[in-house]
């Protein structure tokens, strides 16, 4: 082999050694990063559990406060729900809108017994 070939072999061997060292350093860095991520995920799970417990406690306290104030049952979500509820239900049962409105109007005018 000529001296030029030996130089090329030496340069290639040095490049392979540098690549191997760089790969080992990258593996160590990836392992450290994975360990940090695992630790952060464990802490996040603890925070999530604590926040869930705090939210449940707050909801229970709000329910107890409503119950103590006498507001056991929340009001209707729609302002006219007591009026529109029977109409919507009757129409949904396929009774026909015109006949349903007449029947509900007659029922509203009947005297209470």
Protein backbone atom coordinates (compact mmCIF):
# COMPACT_ATOMS: atom_id res chain seq x y z
CA UNK A 1 0.00 0.00 0.00
CA UNK A 2 1.14 3.44 -0.74
CA UNK A 3 1.48 6.20 1.81
CA UNK A 4 -1.58 7.99 0.37
CA UNK A 5 -3.72 4.92 0.98
CA UNK A 6 -2.47 4.71 4.58
CA UNK A 7 -3.40 8.35 5.09
CA UNK A 8 -6.92 7.71 3.78
CA UNK A 9 -7.29 4.63 6.02
CA UNK A 10 -6.07 6.62 9.02
CA UNK A 11 -8.48 9.48 8.32
CA UNK A 12 -11.36 7.04 7.89
CA UNK A 13 -10.46 5.23 11.13
CA UNK A 14 -10.36 8.55 12.99
CA UNK A 15 -13.75 9.52 11.49
CA UNK A 16 -15.27 6.19 12.58
CA UNK A 17 -13.88 6.67 16.11
CA UNK A 18 -15.32 10.20 16.28
CA UNK A 19 -18.71 8.96 15.04
CA UNK A 20 -18.72 6.16 17.64
CA UNK A 21 -17.92 8.64 20.42
CA UNK A 22 -20.60 11.02 19.18
CA UNK A 23 -23.16 8.19 19.04
CA UNK A 24 -22.33 7.17 22.62
CA UNK A 25 -22.71 10.79 23.76
CA UNK A 26 -26.07 11.03 21.97
CA UNK A 27 -27.28 7.81 23.63
CA UNK A 28 -26.33 9.13 27.09
CA UNK A 29 -28.06 12.44 26.40
CA UNK A 30 -31.21 10.64 25.18
CA UNK A 31 -31.23 8.47 28.32
CA UNK A 32 -30.96 11.55 30.56
CA UNK A 33 -33.76 13.26 28.64
CA UNK A 34 -35.97 10.17 28.91
CA UNK A 35 -35.36 10.05 32.68
CA UNK A 36 -36.32 13.74 33.00
CA UNK A 37 -39.47 13.20 30.96
CA UNK A 38 -40.44 10.21 33.11
CA UNK A 39 -39.95 12.29 36.26
CA UNK A 40 -42.04 15.13 34.83
CA UNK A 41 -44.82 12.72 33.83
CA UNK A 42 -44.89 11.29 37.35
CA UNK A 43 -45.13 14.80 38.82
CA UNK A 44 -47.85 15.68 36.32
CA UNK A 45 -49.84 12.59 37.34
CA UNK A 46 -49.62 13.72 40.98
CA UNK A 47 -50.76 17.23 40.07
CA UNK A 48 -53.62 15.84 37.98
CA UNK A 49 -54.81 13.64 40.83
CA UNK A 50 -54.60 16.54 43.29
CA UNK A 51 -56.49 18.89 40.98
CA UNK A 52 -59.20 16.27 40.42
CA UNK A 53 -59.62 15.87 44.18
CA UNK A 54 -59.73 19.66 44.62
CA UNK A 55 -62.34 20.00 41.88
CA UNK A 56 -64.49 17.27 43.43
CA UNK A 57 -64.19 18.94 46.82
CA UNK A 58 -65.22 22.29 45.36
CA UNK A 59 -68.21 20.75 43.59
CA UNK A 60 -69.30 19.01 46.79
CA UNK A 61 -68.96 22.26 48.73
CA UNK A 62 -71.01 24.13 46.13
CA UNK A 63 -73.72 21.47 46.23
CA UNK A 64 -73.82 21.63 50.04
CA UNK A 65 -74.04 25.43 49.94
CA UNK A 66 -76.91 25.29 47.44
CA UNK A 67 -78.68 22.70 49.55
CA UNK A 68 -78.19 24.78 52.71
CA UNK A 69 -79.57 27.85 50.93
CA UNK A 70 -82.65 25.89 49.87
CA UNK A 71 -81.76 25.67 46.20
CA UNK A 72 -81.80 21.89 46.01
CA UNK A 73 -83.06 21.68 42.45
CA UNK A 74 -81.61 23.99 39.79
CA UNK A 75 -84.11 26.07 37.86
CA UNK A 76 -85.10 25.46 34.27
CA UNK A 77 -82.39 26.11 31.72
CA UNK A 78 -84.87 27.69 29.30
CA UNK A 79 -86.95 30.58 30.60
CA UNK A 80 -90.27 29.21 29.33
CA UNK A 81 -89.44 25.53 29.72
CA UNK A 82 -92.52 24.78 31.91
CA UNK A 83 -94.69 26.26 29.15
CA UNK A 84 -92.90 24.92 26.09
CA UNK A 85 -92.01 21.52 27.53
CA UNK A 86 -95.43 19.87 27.07
CA UNK A 87 -95.77 21.32 23.55
CA UNK A 88 -92.37 20.07 22.48
CA UNK A 89 -93.07 16.67 24.00
CA UNK A 90 -96.44 16.33 22.26
CA UNK A 91 -95.02 17.36 18.89
CA UNK A 92 -92.13 14.98 19.37
CA UNK A 93 -94.63 12.16 19.91
CA UNK A 94 -96.01 12.88 16.40
CA UNK A 95 -99.39 14.18 17.55
CA UNK A 96 -99.31 16.97 14.96
CA UNK A 97 -98.62 20.59 15.86
CA UNK A 98 -102.06 22.13 15.17
CA UNK A 99 -104.02 19.45 17.06
CA UNK A 100 -101.49 19.55 19.89
CA UNK A 101 -101.67 23.32 20.29
CA UNK A 102 -105.51 23.18 20.37
CA UNK A 103 -105.50 20.36 22.93
CA UNK A 104 -102.98 22.16 25.15
CA UNK A 105 -104.96 25.43 24.86
CA UNK A 106 -108.15 23.64 25.95
CA UNK A 107 -106.29 21.96 28.80
CA UNK A 108 -104.94 25.30 30.02
CA UNK A 109 -108.47 26.81 30.16
CA UNK A 110 -110.03 23.98 32.13
CA UNK A 111 -110.83 24.94 35.73
CA UNK A 112 -108.77 23.22 38.35
CA UNK A 113 -110.77 20.59 40.26
